[in-house]
Amino acid sequence: MRGEFKAEIIGNGTISIGKILMSRGPIYLKSVNGGNLSIGENVFFNHNCSITCADEIKIGNHCMFVNNLVIVDHDHEVGESGVTGTLISKPVVIEDRVWCGANVTIVKGVHIGAGDVIAASAVVTKDVPKRAVVAGVPRKVIH
């Protein structure tokens, strides 16, 4: 692994990493409130990737993530008086052989199928079928 790497566990969560995690760094992995983050084998993260897990994030094998990736499986509840401290979380699953371009954001509750390509600057707010190419804000299947 090259570059800066930081993993932080707050609470009883876990971070598990398979064989061969490659990074150009920095990369930041965080598990909070018992979240379980698992990264498969032969996964590559380019510069400035951030993953924060409060529930569950699973990343498959042979995935590649380009610069400025953000994956978050939660957000904060918004009530009548504004944002509360309560987290609302749903698992994120990224299957094998997924490629994400620069500046991609993946939010809670998303399932990304095997062999998918997520184009640069896409915001993935809904599931992506296997072997699809998606782009846009919010994401749209383009192939």
C-alpha atoms as a PDB file:
ATOM      1  CA  MET A   1       0.000   0.000   0.000  1.00  0.00           C
ATOM      2  CA  ARG A   2       1.292   3.454  -0.900  1.00  0.00           C
ATOM      3  CA  GLY A   3       0.106   6.766   0.438  1.00  0.00           C
ATOM      4  CA  GLU A   4      -1.511   7.794   3.688  1.00  0.00           C
ATOM      5  CA  PHE A   5      -3.982   5.341   5.223  1.00  0.00           C
ATOM      6  CA  LYS A   6      -6.212   5.944   8.234  1.00  0.00           C
ATOM      7  CA  ALA A   7      -8.710   3.493   9.720  1.00  0.00           C
ATOM      8  CA  GLU A   8     -10.829   4.493  12.694  1.00  0.00           C
ATOM      9  CA  ILE A   9     -13.322   2.409  14.683  1.00  0.00           C
ATOM     10  CA  ILE A  10     -15.636   4.213  17.099  1.00  0.00           C
ATOM     11  CA  GLY A  11     -17.789   1.826  19.123  1.00  0.00           C
ATOM     12  CA  ASN A  12     -18.025  -1.909  18.485  1.00  0.00           C
ATOM     13  CA  GLY A  13     -17.767  -1.893  14.701  1.00  0.00           C
ATOM     14  CA  THR A  14     -15.337  -3.699  12.449  1.00  0.00           C
ATOM     15  CA  ILE A  15     -13.188  -3.001   9.416  1.00  0.00           C
ATOM     16  CA  SER A  16     -12.008  -6.047   7.485  1.00  0.00           C
ATOM     17  CA  ILE A  17      -9.730  -5.916   4.453  1.00  0.00           C
ATOM     18  CA  GLY A  18      -8.985  -8.783   2.070  1.00  0.00           C
ATOM     19  CA  LYS A  19      -5.630  -9.601   0.496  1.00  0.00           C
ATOM     20  CA  ILE A  20      -3.990  -6.807  -1.476  1.00  0.00           C
ATOM     21  CA  LEU A  21      -5.500  -3.401  -0.824  1.00  0.00           C
ATOM     22  CA  MET A  22      -3.784  -0.873  -3.076  1.00  0.00           C
ATOM     23  CA  SER A  23      -3.953   2.874  -2.561  1.00  0.00           C
ATOM     24  CA  ARG A  24      -2.312   6.019  -3.891  1.00  0.00           C
ATOM     25  CA  GLY A  25      -3.560   7.667  -0.681  1.00  0.00           C
ATOM     26  CA  PRO A  26      -4.812   9.294   1.284  1.00  0.00           C
ATOM     27  CA  ILE A  27      -7.610   6.878   2.122  1.00  0.00           C
ATOM     28  CA  TYR A  28      -9.850   7.169   5.170  1.00  0.00           C
ATOM     29  CA  LEU A  29     -11.956   4.271   6.516  1.00  0.00           C
ATOM     30  CA  LYS A  30     -14.271   4.831   9.474  1.00  0.00           C
ATOM     31  CA  SER A  31     -16.686   2.568  11.341  1.00  0.00           C
ATOM     32  CA  VAL A  32     -19.034   4.200  13.859  1.00  0.00           C
ATOM     33  CA  ASN A  33     -21.795   2.939  16.170  1.00  0.00           C
ATOM     34  CA  GLY A  34     -21.124  -0.745  15.472  1.00  0.00           C
ATOM     35  CA  GLY A  35     -20.879  -0.438  11.691  1.00  0.00           C
ATOM     36  CA  ASN A  36     -19.255  -3.278   9.747  1.00  0.00           C
ATOM     37  CA  LEU A  37     -17.082  -2.334   6.772  1.00  0.00           C
ATOM     38  CA  SER A  38     -15.638  -5.111   4.630  1.00  0.00           C
ATOM     39  CA  ILE A  39     -13.389  -4.723   1.600  1.00  0.00           C
ATOM     40  CA  GLY A  40     -12.658  -7.700  -0.648  1.00  0.00           C
ATOM     41  CA  GLU A  41      -9.434  -8.802  -2.315  1.00  0.00           C
ATOM     42  CA  ASN A  42      -7.418  -6.913  -4.934  1.00  0.00           C
ATOM     43  CA  VAL A  43      -9.171  -3.572  -4.426  1.00  0.00           C
ATOM     44  CA  PHE A  44      -7.607  -0.284  -5.569  1.00  0.00           C
ATOM     45  CA  PHE A  45      -8.318   3.195  -4.197  1.00  0.00           C
ATOM     46  CA  ASN A  46      -6.752   6.225  -5.847  1.00  0.00           C
ATOM     47  CA  HIS A  47      -6.101   9.563  -4.133  1.00  0.00           C
ATOM     48  CA  ASN A  48      -8.483  10.985  -1.498  1.00  0.00           C
ATOM     49  CA  CYS A  49     -11.074   8.245  -0.893  1.00  0.00           C
ATOM     50  CA  SER A  50     -13.361   8.263   2.157  1.00  0.00           C
ATOM     51  CA  ILE A  51     -15.688   5.529   3.445  1.00  0.00           C
ATOM     52  CA  THR A  52     -17.797   6.012   6.577  1.00  0.00           C
ATOM     53  CA  CYS A  53     -19.878   3.103   7.869  1.00  0.00           C
ATOM     54  CA  ALA A  54     -22.543   3.196  10.609  1.00  0.00           C
ATOM     55  CA  ASP A  55     -24.415   0.052   9.518  1.00  0.00           C
ATOM     56  CA  GLU A  56     -22.825  -2.101   6.819  1.00  0.00           C
ATOM     57  CA  ILE A  57     -20.742  -1.496   3.714  1.00  0.00           C
ATOM     58  CA  LYS A  58     -19.530  -4.447   1.640  1.00  0.00           C
ATOM     59  CA  ILE A  59     -17.097  -3.973  -1.234  1.00  0.00           C
ATOM     60  CA  GLY A  60     -16.401  -7.005  -3.419  1.00  0.00           C
ATOM     61  CA  ASN A  61     -13.221  -8.243  -5.076  1.00  0.00           C
ATOM     62  CA  HIS A  62     -11.267  -6.609  -7.923  1.00  0.00           C
ATOM     63  CA  CYS A  63     -12.921  -3.187  -7.575  1.00  0.00           C
ATOM     64  CA  MET A  64     -11.245   0.067  -8.625  1.00  0.00           C
ATOM     65  CA  PHE A  65     -12.055   3.506  -7.243  1.00  0.00           C
ATOM     66  CA  VAL A  66     -10.584   6.697  -8.705  1.00  0.00           C
ATOM     67  CA  ASN A  67      -9.914  10.053  -6.957  1.00  0.00           C
ATOM     68  CA  ASN A  68     -12.264  11.661  -4.435  1.00  0.00           C
ATOM     69  CA  LEU A  69     -14.616   8.747  -3.808  1.00  0.00           C
ATOM     70  CA  VAL A  70     -17.164   9.094  -0.979  1.00  0.00           C
ATOM     71  CA  ILE A  71     -19.213   6.155   0.317  1.00  0.00           C
ATOM     72  CA  VAL A  72     -21.536   6.727   3.285  1.00  0.00           C
ATOM     73  CA  ASP A  73     -24.223   4.312   4.499  1.00  0.00           C
ATOM     74  CA  HIS A  74     -26.081   6.838   6.646  1.00  0.00           C
ATOM     75  CA  ASP A  75     -27.272  10.386   7.052  1.00  0.00           C
ATOM     76  CA  HIS A  76     -28.836  12.397   9.863  1.00  0.00           C
ATOM     77  CA  GLU A  77     -32.515  12.548  10.638  1.00  0.00           C
ATOM     78  CA  VAL A  78     -34.138  15.878   9.841  1.00  0.00           C
ATOM     79  CA  GLY A  79     -37.003  16.890  12.133  1.00  0.00           C
ATOM     80  CA  GLU A  80     -39.223  19.932  12.445  1.00  0.00           C
ATOM     81  CA  SER A  81     -36.505  21.821  14.303  1.00  0.00           C
ATOM     82  CA  GLY A  82     -33.719  20.819  11.893  1.00  0.00           C
ATOM     83  CA  VAL A  83     -31.056  18.150  11.831  1.00  0.00           C
ATOM     84  CA  THR A  84     -30.989  15.804  14.827  1.00  0.00           C
ATOM     85  CA  GLY A  85     -28.128  13.661  16.069  1.00  0.00           C
ATOM     86  CA  THR A  86     -29.994  10.487  15.090  1.00  0.00           C
ATOM     87  CA  LEU A  87     -28.401   8.495  12.287  1.00  0.00           C
ATOM     88  CA  ILE A  88     -30.536   6.819   9.645  1.00  0.00           C
ATOM     89  CA  SER A  89     -28.548   4.056   7.976  1.00  0.00           C
ATOM     90  CA  LYS A  90     -29.031   1.356   5.348  1.00  0.00           C
ATOM     91  CA  PRO A  91     -26.425  -1.101   4.033  1.00  0.00           C
ATOM     92  CA  VAL A  92     -24.360  -0.399   0.910  1.00  0.00           C
ATOM     93  CA  VAL A  93     -23.274  -3.356  -1.239  1.00  0.00           C
ATOM     94  CA  ILE A  94     -20.776  -3.067  -4.079  1.00  0.00           C
ATOM     95  CA  GLU A  95     -20.305  -6.363  -5.905  1.00  0.00           C
ATOM     96  CA  ASP A  96     -17.148  -7.622  -7.666  1.00  0.00           C
ATOM     97  CA  ARG A  97     -15.312  -5.846 -10.501  1.00  0.00           C
ATOM     98  CA  VAL A  98     -16.926  -2.433 -10.101  1.00  0.00           C
ATOM     99  CA  TRP A  99     -15.078   0.627 -11.449  1.00  0.00           C
ATOM    100  CA  CYS A 100     -15.869   4.126 -10.160  1.00  0.00           C
ATOM    101  CA  GLY A 101     -14.595   7.285 -11.837  1.00  0.00           C
ATOM    102  CA  ALA A 102     -13.414  10.460 -10.115  1.00  0.00           C
ATOM    103  CA  ASN A 103     -15.644  12.341  -7.662  1.00  0.00           C
ATOM    104  CA  VAL A 104     -18.258   9.579  -7.267  1.00  0.00           C
ATOM    105  CA  THR A 105     -20.594   9.632  -4.256  1.00  0.00           C
ATOM    106  CA  ILE A 106     -22.462   6.495  -3.136  1.00  0.00           C
ATOM    107  CA  VAL A 107     -25.154   6.941  -0.470  1.00  0.00           C
ATOM    108  CA  LYS A 108     -27.055   4.733   1.958  1.00  0.00           C
ATOM    109  CA  GLY A 109     -29.126   1.771   0.852  1.00  0.00           C
ATOM    110  CA  VAL A 110     -27.505   1.339  -2.583  1.00  0.00           C
ATOM    111  CA  HIS A 111     -26.667  -2.005  -4.204  1.00  0.00           C
ATOM    112  CA  ILE A 112     -24.207  -1.824  -7.114  1.00  0.00           C
ATOM    113  CA  GLY A 113     -24.096  -4.903  -9.332  1.00  0.00           C
ATOM    114  CA  ALA A 114     -21.070  -6.870 -10.506  1.00  0.00           C
ATOM    115  CA  GLY A 115     -19.145  -5.401 -13.430  1.00  0.00           C
ATOM    116  CA  ASP A 116     -20.706  -1.935 -13.207  1.00  0.00           C
ATOM    117  CA  VAL A 117     -19.032   1.262 -14.347  1.00  0.00           C
ATOM    118  CA  ILE A 118     -19.903   4.425 -12.437  1.00  0.00           C
ATOM    119  CA  ALA A 119     -18.917   7.495 -14.482  1.00  0.00           C
ATOM    120  CA  ALA A 120     -17.027  10.444 -13.033  1.00  0.00           C
ATOM    121  CA  SER A 121     -19.009  12.773 -10.745  1.00  0.00           C
ATOM    122  CA  ALA A 122     -22.031  10.449 -10.538  1.00  0.00           C
ATOM    123  CA  VAL A 123     -24.133  10.486  -7.391  1.00  0.00           C
ATOM    124  CA  VAL A 124     -25.503   6.983  -6.835  1.00  0.00           C
ATOM    125  CA  THR A 125     -28.775   7.167  -4.885  1.00  0.00           C
ATOM    126  CA  LYS A 126     -30.489   4.057  -6.302  1.00  0.00           C
ATOM    127  CA  ASP A 127     -29.516   0.465  -7.046  1.00  0.00           C
ATOM    128  CA  VAL A 128     -27.541  -0.236 -10.218  1.00  0.00           C
ATOM    129  CA  PRO A 129     -28.197  -3.443 -12.230  1.00  0.00           C
ATOM    130  CA  LYS A 130     -25.282  -5.753 -13.071  1.00  0.00           C
ATOM    131  CA  ARG A 131     -22.945  -4.786 -15.946  1.00  0.00           C
ATOM    132  CA  ALA A 132     -24.437  -1.314 -16.369  1.00  0.00           C
ATOM    133  CA  VAL A 133     -22.802   2.032 -17.059  1.00  0.00           C
ATOM    134  CA  VAL A 134     -24.286   4.891 -15.045  1.00  0.00           C
ATOM    135  CA  ALA A 135     -23.651   8.635 -15.025  1.00  0.00           C
ATOM    136  CA  GLY A 136     -25.167  11.854 -13.726  1.00  0.00           C
ATOM    137  CA  VAL A 137     -26.680  13.491 -10.688  1.00  0.00           C
ATOM    138  CA  PRO A 138     -28.674  11.525  -9.718  1.00  0.00           C
ATOM    139  CA  ARG A 139     -27.326   8.543 -11.578  1.00  0.00           C
ATOM    140  CA  LYS A 140     -28.961   7.315 -14.799  1.00  0.00           C
ATOM    141  CA  VAL A 141     -28.239   4.081 -16.632  1.00  0.00           C
ATOM    142  CA  ILE A 142     -26.636   5.059 -19.953  1.00  0.00           C
ATOM    143  CA  HIS A 143     -25.605   1.608 -21.199  1.00  0.00           C
END
